Amino acid sequence: MRHGNKVNHLGRKTGHRKAMLSNMACSLIEHKRITTTLAKAKVLRGFVEPILTKSKTDSTHSRRTVFSYLQNKDVVTELFREIAPKIAERNGGYTRIIRTGFRLGDNAEMCMIELVDFNDIYTNEKAKKTTRRSRRGGSAAAKEVVNTTEEVVSDAVIETSEETSTEDSTDSTENSEEKEK
């Protein structure tokens, strides 16, 4: 039974695990996306999200607290200058884990962990605002559009019937000319 075993030790001693998570968090902040195993990504998410929350308040105390976890002055500067303003309005959920398949050597499940606000593909799609469409009878503008489409369709039907009648008359004249010969 695993009562009270909340920490995934990742097969490492405490010092090694803390150093590895600190390095992975620095890489994530620096590159905005890293590829790793699923188990490490899940542990990293629990490690880096409180750091990102702490970076929302730019004070000397929060900078020193974040530096005590990351131990990299350049990464702390980038975190407070570039990342913190982008995530300021987000209430948690700063990272996304995307599974990418299995590693060839040992068949470990691999994934990408990325910062949510720095993915251009997803953020551009959500930026496009769609209008809500009602299923009810609705506005007069919608009725006008329906009326104009009905008129266009009826005009097209009349034109096609005229074309077919002219084609029939030309066919009949050709047939009568052939009979005369």
Protein backbone atom coordinates (compact mmCIF):
# COMPACT_ATOMS: atom_id res chain seq x y z
CA MET A 1 0.00 0.00 0.00
CA ARG A 2 1.21 3.50 -0.73
CA HIS A 3 -0.36 5.44 2.14
CA GLY A 4 1.18 8.89 2.50
CA ASN A 5 3.63 8.50 -0.40
CA LYS A 6 2.78 11.66 -2.31
CA VAL A 7 6.26 12.38 -3.68
CA ASN A 8 7.45 10.62 -6.83
CA HIS A 9 11.13 10.10 -6.05
CA LEU A 10 11.99 9.37 -9.70
CA GLY A 11 14.59 6.80 -8.60
CA ARG A 12 16.89 9.52 -7.20
CA LYS A 13 18.09 10.74 -3.84
CA THR A 14 16.71 14.02 -2.51
CA GLY A 15 19.64 16.23 -3.51
CA HIS A 16 19.80 14.80 -7.01
CA ARG A 17 16.04 15.16 -7.48
CA LYS A 18 16.02 18.80 -6.32
CA ALA A 19 18.95 19.68 -8.57
CA MET A 20 17.33 17.94 -11.55
CA LEU A 21 14.00 19.73 -11.03
CA SER A 22 15.77 23.07 -10.63
CA ASN A 23 17.66 22.54 -13.90
CA MET A 24 14.53 21.40 -15.72
CA ALA A 25 12.60 24.42 -14.44
CA CYS A 26 15.40 26.73 -15.65
CA SER A 27 15.30 25.08 -19.08
CA LEU A 28 11.51 25.39 -19.22
CA ILE A 29 11.60 29.08 -18.34
CA GLU A 30 14.44 29.75 -20.78
CA HIS A 31 13.12 27.77 -23.79
CA LYS A 32 9.34 27.88 -22.98
CA ARG A 33 9.06 24.17 -23.98
CA ILE A 34 11.06 21.04 -23.17
CA THR A 35 10.76 17.35 -23.99
CA THR A 36 11.04 14.84 -21.16
CA THR A 37 9.41 11.73 -19.74
CA LEU A 38 5.85 11.91 -18.51
CA ALA A 39 6.77 11.13 -14.89
CA LYS A 40 9.37 13.91 -14.78
CA ALA A 41 6.97 16.36 -16.46
CA LYS A 42 4.26 15.71 -13.89
CA VAL A 43 6.71 16.27 -11.02
CA LEU A 44 8.13 19.36 -12.76
CA ARG A 45 4.65 20.83 -13.12
CA GLY A 46 4.17 20.63 -9.35
CA PHE A 47 7.59 22.21 -8.86
CA VAL A 48 7.40 25.08 -11.33
CA GLU A 49 3.80 26.28 -11.00
CA PRO A 50 4.24 27.70 -7.46
CA ILE A 51 7.39 29.45 -8.71
CA LEU A 52 5.41 31.02 -11.56
CA THR A 53 2.72 32.12 -9.11
CA LYS A 54 5.38 33.67 -6.89
CA SER A 55 6.78 35.59 -9.86
CA LYS A 56 3.51 37.48 -10.35
CA THR A 57 4.43 39.83 -7.48
CA ASP A 58 7.68 41.57 -8.35
CA SER A 59 9.28 42.24 -4.98
CA THR A 60 12.71 41.61 -3.56
CA HIS A 61 11.35 38.90 -1.31
CA SER A 62 9.66 36.96 -4.12
CA ARG A 63 12.79 37.28 -6.30
CA ARG A 64 14.96 35.85 -3.51
CA THR A 65 12.47 33.06 -2.86
CA VAL A 66 12.40 32.10 -6.56
CA PHE A 67 16.22 32.32 -6.72
CA SER A 68 16.50 29.90 -3.81
CA TYR A 69 14.69 27.30 -5.96
CA LEU A 70 16.27 28.01 -9.36
CA GLN A 71 19.83 29.12 -8.45
CA ASN A 72 20.20 30.94 -11.79
CA LYS A 73 20.21 34.74 -11.85
CA ASP A 74 19.60 35.08 -15.61
CA VAL A 75 16.58 32.77 -15.55
CA VAL A 76 15.10 34.62 -12.57
CA THR A 77 15.48 37.91 -14.46
CA GLU A 78 13.81 36.47 -17.55
CA LEU A 79 11.02 35.02 -15.42
CA PHE A 80 10.17 38.34 -13.79
CA ARG A 81 10.63 40.47 -16.94
CA GLU A 82 9.07 38.41 -19.73
CA ILE A 83 6.98 35.60 -18.33
CA ALA A 84 5.34 37.20 -15.28
CA PRO A 85 3.56 40.00 -17.23
CA LYS A 86 2.12 37.46 -19.68
CA ILE A 87 0.75 35.17 -16.97
CA ALA A 88 -0.44 37.96 -14.68
CA GLU A 89 -4.16 37.48 -15.39
CA ARG A 90 -4.06 33.65 -15.38
CA ASN A 91 -5.14 31.91 -12.16
CA GLY A 92 -2.93 28.84 -12.23
CA GLY A 93 -2.51 26.24 -14.94
CA TYR A 94 0.58 27.84 -16.43
CA THR A 95 1.92 24.66 -18.02
CA ARG A 96 0.57 22.14 -20.52
CA ILE A 97 1.71 18.54 -20.92
CA ILE A 98 1.37 17.04 -24.40
CA ARG A 99 2.13 13.34 -24.79
CA THR A 100 4.36 12.58 -27.78
CA GLY A 101 4.71 8.80 -27.77
CA PHE A 102 7.22 6.31 -26.45
CA ARG A 103 11.03 6.44 -26.40
CA LEU A 104 12.78 3.84 -28.55
CA GLY A 105 15.37 2.54 -26.09
CA ASP A 106 13.33 1.78 -23.00
CA ASN A 107 9.75 2.49 -24.17
CA ALA A 108 9.33 5.28 -21.60
CA GLU A 109 6.35 7.54 -22.26
CA MET A 110 7.62 10.88 -23.57
CA CYS A 111 5.92 14.27 -23.55
CA MET A 112 6.42 17.96 -24.09
CA ILE A 113 5.82 20.34 -21.23
CA GLU A 114 5.33 23.96 -22.25
CA LEU A 115 4.24 27.29 -20.89
CA VAL A 116 0.64 27.84 -21.97
CA ASP A 117 0.85 31.55 -22.83
CA PHE A 118 3.90 31.11 -25.07
CA ASN A 119 2.41 28.64 -27.56
CA ASP A 120 1.58 30.61 -30.71
CA ILE A 121 -0.63 27.93 -32.26
CA TYR A 122 -3.12 27.69 -29.40
CA THR A 123 -3.09 31.35 -28.42
CA ASN A 124 -3.82 32.57 -31.99
CA GLU A 125 -6.79 30.23 -32.37
CA LYS A 126 -8.30 31.43 -29.12
CA ALA A 127 -7.72 35.06 -30.08
CA LYS A 128 -10.18 34.73 -32.97
CA LYS A 129 -13.51 35.59 -31.45
CA THR A 130 -16.50 33.74 -32.81
CA THR A 131 -19.97 35.20 -32.66
CA ARG A 132 -22.75 33.34 -30.97
CA ARG A 133 -25.45 32.07 -33.24
CA SER A 134 -28.98 31.73 -32.04
CA ARG A 135 -31.26 28.93 -33.14
CA ARG A 136 -34.35 31.10 -32.77
CA GLY A 137 -35.97 33.19 -35.50
CA GLY A 138 -33.78 36.03 -34.39
CA SER A 139 -33.03 39.37 -35.91
CA ALA A 140 -34.28 41.15 -38.98
CA ALA A 141 -30.81 41.07 -40.53
CA ALA A 142 -30.86 37.29 -40.54
CA LYS A 143 -34.31 37.31 -42.17
CA GLU A 144 -33.01 39.68 -44.87
CA VAL A 145 -30.13 37.32 -45.58
CA VAL A 146 -32.57 34.42 -45.90
CA ASN A 147 -34.81 36.44 -48.24
CA THR A 148 -31.90 37.47 -50.46
CA THR A 149 -30.65 33.90 -50.69
CA GLU A 150 -34.13 32.73 -51.64
CA GLU A 151 -34.27 35.41 -54.37
CA VAL A 152 -30.85 34.37 -55.68
CA VAL A 153 -31.89 30.73 -55.74
CA SER A 154 -35.16 31.52 -57.53
CA ASP A 155 -33.30 33.71 -60.07
CA ALA A 156 -30.85 30.89 -60.69
CA VAL A 157 -33.71 28.43 -61.22
CA ILE A 158 -35.40 30.77 -63.73
CA GLU A 159 -32.12 31.30 -65.61
CA THR A 160 -31.41 27.59 -65.84
CA SER A 161 -34.94 26.89 -67.07
CA GLU A 162 -34.53 29.59 -69.73
CA GLU A 163 -31.20 28.10 -70.79
CA THR A 164 -32.67 24.63 -71.09
CA SER A 165 -35.60 25.93 -73.13
CA THR A 166 -33.24 27.74 -75.53
CA GLU A 167 -31.08 24.64 -75.77
CA ASP A 168 -34.18 22.55 -76.55
CA SER A 169 -35.22 24.97 -79.29
CA THR A 170 -31.71 24.89 -80.85
CA ASP A 171 -31.70 21.10 -80.66
CA SER A 172 -35.10 20.92 -82.35
CA THR A 173 -33.98 23.24 -85.17
CA GLU A 174 -30.88 21.13 -85.73
CA ASN A 175 -33.00 17.98 -85.83
CA SER A 176 -35.42 19.52 -88.34
CA GLU A 177 -32.50 20.60 -90.55
CA GLU A 178 -31.12 17.04 -90.53
CA LYS A 179 -34.53 15.64 -91.51
CA GLU A 180 -34.76 18.01 -94.47
CA LYS A 181 -31.48 16.74 -95.87
